[in-house]
Amino acid sequence: QVQLVESGGGLVQAGGSLRLSCEASGNIFSINGMGWYRQAPGKQRELVATISSGGNTNYADSVKGRFTISRDDAKNTVYLQMNSLKPDDTAVYYCYMGIIIRSRLPGDYWGQGTQVTVSS
């Protein structure tokens, strides 16, 4: 009933920038928190950034000052602007949304993941 579609990943050189987008569609009543997580090969999935329905943001220490999360509620979309990318940022990035569907049931929804590769 709800689908999250990510875009914007790719290959970039160290120091470069990428912008990830994640759009939700389907039987949506409202969206609470949104966020981005990432998983590098051989590592556990880790939180990158979150943004509340009120616009409060939270970042992993490793990305503070380089990444910016934002949301457009009219478009049911969350963004992650990534600047000054480092090889350690290489991972599959997943978006997350806490969505209440039209039957008023809440649920956690994830995107399919988008690969970000930063070359040195």
C-alpha atoms as a PDB file:
ATOM      1  CA  GLN A   1       0.000   0.000   0.000  1.00  0.00           C
ATOM      2  CA  VAL A   2       2.968   2.311   0.571  1.00  0.00           C
ATOM      3  CA  GLN A   3       6.120   2.453  -1.500  1.00  0.00           C
ATOM      4  CA  LEU A   4       9.335   4.390  -0.948  1.00  0.00           C
ATOM      5  CA  VAL A   5      11.478   5.026  -4.006  1.00  0.00           C
ATOM      6  CA  GLU A   6      15.016   6.319  -3.658  1.00  0.00           C
ATOM      7  CA  SER A   7      17.158   8.064  -6.233  1.00  0.00           C
ATOM      8  CA  GLY A   8      20.384  10.007  -6.497  1.00  0.00           C
ATOM      9  CA  GLY A   9      23.065   7.498  -5.612  1.00  0.00           C
ATOM     10  CA  GLY A  10      26.138   6.921  -7.727  1.00  0.00           C
ATOM     11  CA  LEU A  11      29.896   7.126  -7.997  1.00  0.00           C
ATOM     12  CA  VAL A  12      31.688  10.293  -6.952  1.00  0.00           C
ATOM     13  CA  GLN A  13      35.233  11.293  -6.161  1.00  0.00           C
ATOM     14  CA  ALA A  14      36.291  12.181  -2.644  1.00  0.00           C
ATOM     15  CA  GLY A  15      35.349  15.755  -1.872  1.00  0.00           C
ATOM     16  CA  GLY A  16      32.378  15.646  -4.195  1.00  0.00           C
ATOM     17  CA  SER A  17      28.668  15.919  -3.512  1.00  0.00           C
ATOM     18  CA  LEU A  18      25.534  13.881  -4.054  1.00  0.00           C
ATOM     19  CA  ARG A  19      21.873  14.477  -3.240  1.00  0.00           C
ATOM     20  CA  LEU A  20      19.653  11.546  -2.349  1.00  0.00           C
ATOM     21  CA  SER A  21      15.881  11.685  -2.629  1.00  0.00           C
ATOM     22  CA  CYS A  22      13.215   9.352  -1.310  1.00  0.00           C
ATOM     23  CA  GLU A  23       9.562   9.741  -2.267  1.00  0.00           C
ATOM     24  CA  ALA A  24       6.707   7.919  -0.634  1.00  0.00           C
ATOM     25  CA  SER A  25       3.527   7.058  -2.494  1.00  0.00           C
ATOM     26  CA  GLY A  26       0.376   5.124  -1.804  1.00  0.00           C
ATOM     27  CA  ASN A  27      -2.308   5.117   0.846  1.00  0.00           C
ATOM     28  CA  ILE A  28      -0.735   7.805   3.051  1.00  0.00           C
ATOM     29  CA  PHE A  29      -2.554   9.816   5.704  1.00  0.00           C
ATOM     30  CA  SER A  30       0.461  11.464   7.307  1.00  0.00           C
ATOM     31  CA  ILE A  31       4.191  11.000   7.790  1.00  0.00           C
ATOM     32  CA  ASN A  32       5.985  11.379  11.113  1.00  0.00           C
ATOM     33  CA  GLY A  33       9.726  10.933  11.328  1.00  0.00           C
ATOM     34  CA  MET A  34      11.944  10.449   8.299  1.00  0.00           C
ATOM     35  CA  GLY A  35      15.536   9.389   8.112  1.00  0.00           C
ATOM     36  CA  TRP A  36      18.478   7.968   6.278  1.00  0.00           C
ATOM     37  CA  TYR A  37      20.523   4.932   7.279  1.00  0.00           C
ATOM     38  CA  ARG A  38      23.460   3.279   5.587  1.00  0.00           C
ATOM     39  CA  GLN A  39      25.139  -0.089   5.497  1.00  0.00           C
ATOM     40  CA  ALA A  40      28.685  -0.640   4.341  1.00  0.00           C
ATOM     41  CA  PRO A  41      29.969  -4.093   3.344  1.00  0.00           C
ATOM     42  CA  GLY A  42      30.579  -6.237   6.395  1.00  0.00           C
ATOM     43  CA  LYS A  43      29.091  -3.663   8.760  1.00  0.00           C
ATOM     44  CA  GLN A  44      25.785  -3.180  10.512  1.00  0.00           C
ATOM     45  CA  ARG A  45      23.236  -0.672   9.286  1.00  0.00           C
ATOM     46  CA  GLU A  46      23.808   2.675  11.002  1.00  0.00           C
ATOM     47  CA  LEU A  47      21.834   5.855  11.398  1.00  0.00           C
ATOM     48  CA  VAL A  48      22.976   8.756   9.251  1.00  0.00           C
ATOM     49  CA  ALA A  49      20.360  11.452   9.900  1.00  0.00           C
ATOM     50  CA  THR A  50      16.764  11.884  10.999  1.00  0.00           C
ATOM     51  CA  ILE A  51      14.209  14.658  10.782  1.00  0.00           C
ATOM     52  CA  SER A  52      11.028  14.891  12.810  1.00  0.00           C
ATOM     53  CA  SER A  53       7.642  16.089  11.626  1.00  0.00           C
ATOM     54  CA  GLY A  54       8.468  19.382  13.308  1.00  0.00           C
ATOM     55  CA  GLY A  55      11.747  19.727  11.443  1.00  0.00           C
ATOM     56  CA  ASN A  56      14.118  18.794  14.244  1.00  0.00           C
ATOM     57  CA  THR A  57      17.209  17.074  12.881  1.00  0.00           C
ATOM     58  CA  ASN A  58      19.739  14.635  14.262  1.00  0.00           C
ATOM     59  CA  TYR A  59      23.009  13.507  12.674  1.00  0.00           C
ATOM     60  CA  ALA A  60      25.619  10.857  13.216  1.00  0.00           C
ATOM     61  CA  ASP A  61      28.852  12.421  14.429  1.00  0.00           C
ATOM     62  CA  SER A  62      30.648  11.146  11.343  1.00  0.00           C
ATOM     63  CA  VAL A  63      28.497  13.253   8.994  1.00  0.00           C
ATOM     64  CA  LYS A  64      27.862  16.402  11.037  1.00  0.00           C
ATOM     65  CA  GLY A  65      28.755  19.515   9.114  1.00  0.00           C
ATOM     66  CA  ARG A  66      28.852  17.627   5.802  1.00  0.00           C
ATOM     67  CA  PHE A  67      25.363  16.152   5.344  1.00  0.00           C
ATOM     68  CA  THR A  68      22.017  17.925   5.522  1.00  0.00           C
ATOM     69  CA  ILE A  69      18.646  16.215   5.801  1.00  0.00           C
ATOM     70  CA  SER A  70      15.466  17.981   4.733  1.00  0.00           C
ATOM     71  CA  ARG A  71      11.868  17.126   3.928  1.00  0.00           C
ATOM     72  CA  ASP A  72       9.084  18.320   1.668  1.00  0.00           C
ATOM     73  CA  ASP A  73       5.800  17.164   3.147  1.00  0.00           C
ATOM     74  CA  ALA A  74       3.807  18.353   0.127  1.00  0.00           C
ATOM     75  CA  LYS A  75       5.781  15.859  -1.949  1.00  0.00           C
ATOM     76  CA  ASN A  76       6.121  13.132   0.728  1.00  0.00           C
ATOM     77  CA  THR A  77       9.849  13.322   0.122  1.00  0.00           C
ATOM     78  CA  VAL A  78      12.982  13.325   2.229  1.00  0.00           C
ATOM     79  CA  TYR A  79      16.356  14.478   0.958  1.00  0.00           C
ATOM     80  CA  LEU A  80      19.960  13.983   2.002  1.00  0.00           C
ATOM     81  CA  GLN A  81      22.468  16.483   0.696  1.00  0.00           C
ATOM     82  CA  MET A  82      25.931  15.003   1.057  1.00  0.00           C
ATOM     83  CA  ASN A  83      28.955  17.274   0.668  1.00  0.00           C
ATOM     84  CA  SER A  84      32.680  16.717   1.176  1.00  0.00           C
ATOM     85  CA  LEU A  85      32.190  13.019   0.650  1.00  0.00           C
ATOM     86  CA  LYS A  86      34.831  10.604   1.894  1.00  0.00           C
ATOM     87  CA  PRO A  87      35.619   7.011   0.912  1.00  0.00           C
ATOM     88  CA  ASP A  88      34.279   5.962   4.344  1.00  0.00           C
ATOM     89  CA  ASP A  89      30.843   7.212   3.228  1.00  0.00           C
ATOM     90  CA  THR A  90      30.670   4.373   0.697  1.00  0.00           C
ATOM     91  CA  ALA A  91      27.590   2.286   1.524  1.00  0.00           C
ATOM     92  CA  VAL A  92      24.071   1.424   0.520  1.00  0.00           C
ATOM     93  CA  TYR A  93      21.826   4.205   1.771  1.00  0.00           C
ATOM     94  CA  TYR A  94      18.281   3.444   2.897  1.00  0.00           C
ATOM     95  CA  CYS A  95      15.511   5.924   3.601  1.00  0.00           C
ATOM     96  CA  TYR A  96      13.003   5.405   6.366  1.00  0.00           C
ATOM     97  CA  MET A  97       9.603   6.924   7.108  1.00  0.00           C
ATOM     98  CA  GLY A  98       7.130   6.489   9.917  1.00  0.00           C
ATOM     99  CA  ILE A  99       3.848   6.578   8.010  1.00  0.00           C
ATOM    100  CA  ILE A 100       0.237   6.529   9.121  1.00  0.00           C
ATOM    101  CA  ILE A 101      -1.899   5.101   6.352  1.00  0.00           C
ATOM    102  CA  ARG A 102      -5.476   6.166   5.702  1.00  0.00           C
ATOM    103  CA  SER A 103      -6.883   3.470   7.978  1.00  0.00           C
ATOM    104  CA  ARG A 104      -4.933   5.252  10.725  1.00  0.00           C
ATOM    105  CA  LEU A 105      -2.571   2.349  11.198  1.00  0.00           C
ATOM    106  CA  PRO A 106       1.052   3.407  11.764  1.00  0.00           C
ATOM    107  CA  GLY A 107       3.963   1.564  10.244  1.00  0.00           C
ATOM    108  CA  ASP A 108       7.650   1.695   9.473  1.00  0.00           C
ATOM    109  CA  TYR A 109       8.582   1.807   5.824  1.00  0.00           C
ATOM    110  CA  TRP A 110      11.937   1.495   4.097  1.00  0.00           C
ATOM    111  CA  GLY A 111      13.281   2.298   0.674  1.00  0.00           C
ATOM    112  CA  GLN A 112      15.003  -0.283  -1.498  1.00  0.00           C
ATOM    113  CA  GLY A 113      18.450   1.225  -0.976  1.00  0.00           C
ATOM    114  CA  THR A 114      20.712   3.204  -3.269  1.00  0.00           C
ATOM    115  CA  GLN A 115      24.442   2.660  -3.671  1.00  0.00           C
ATOM    116  CA  VAL A 116      26.829   5.500  -2.921  1.00  0.00           C
ATOM    117  CA  THR A 117      30.457   4.901  -3.838  1.00  0.00           C
ATOM    118  CA  VAL A 118      33.162   7.457  -3.067  1.00  0.00           C
ATOM    119  CA  SER A 119      36.505   6.921  -4.749  1.00  0.00           C
ATOM    120  CA  SER A 120      39.765   8.190  -3.292  1.00  0.00           C
END
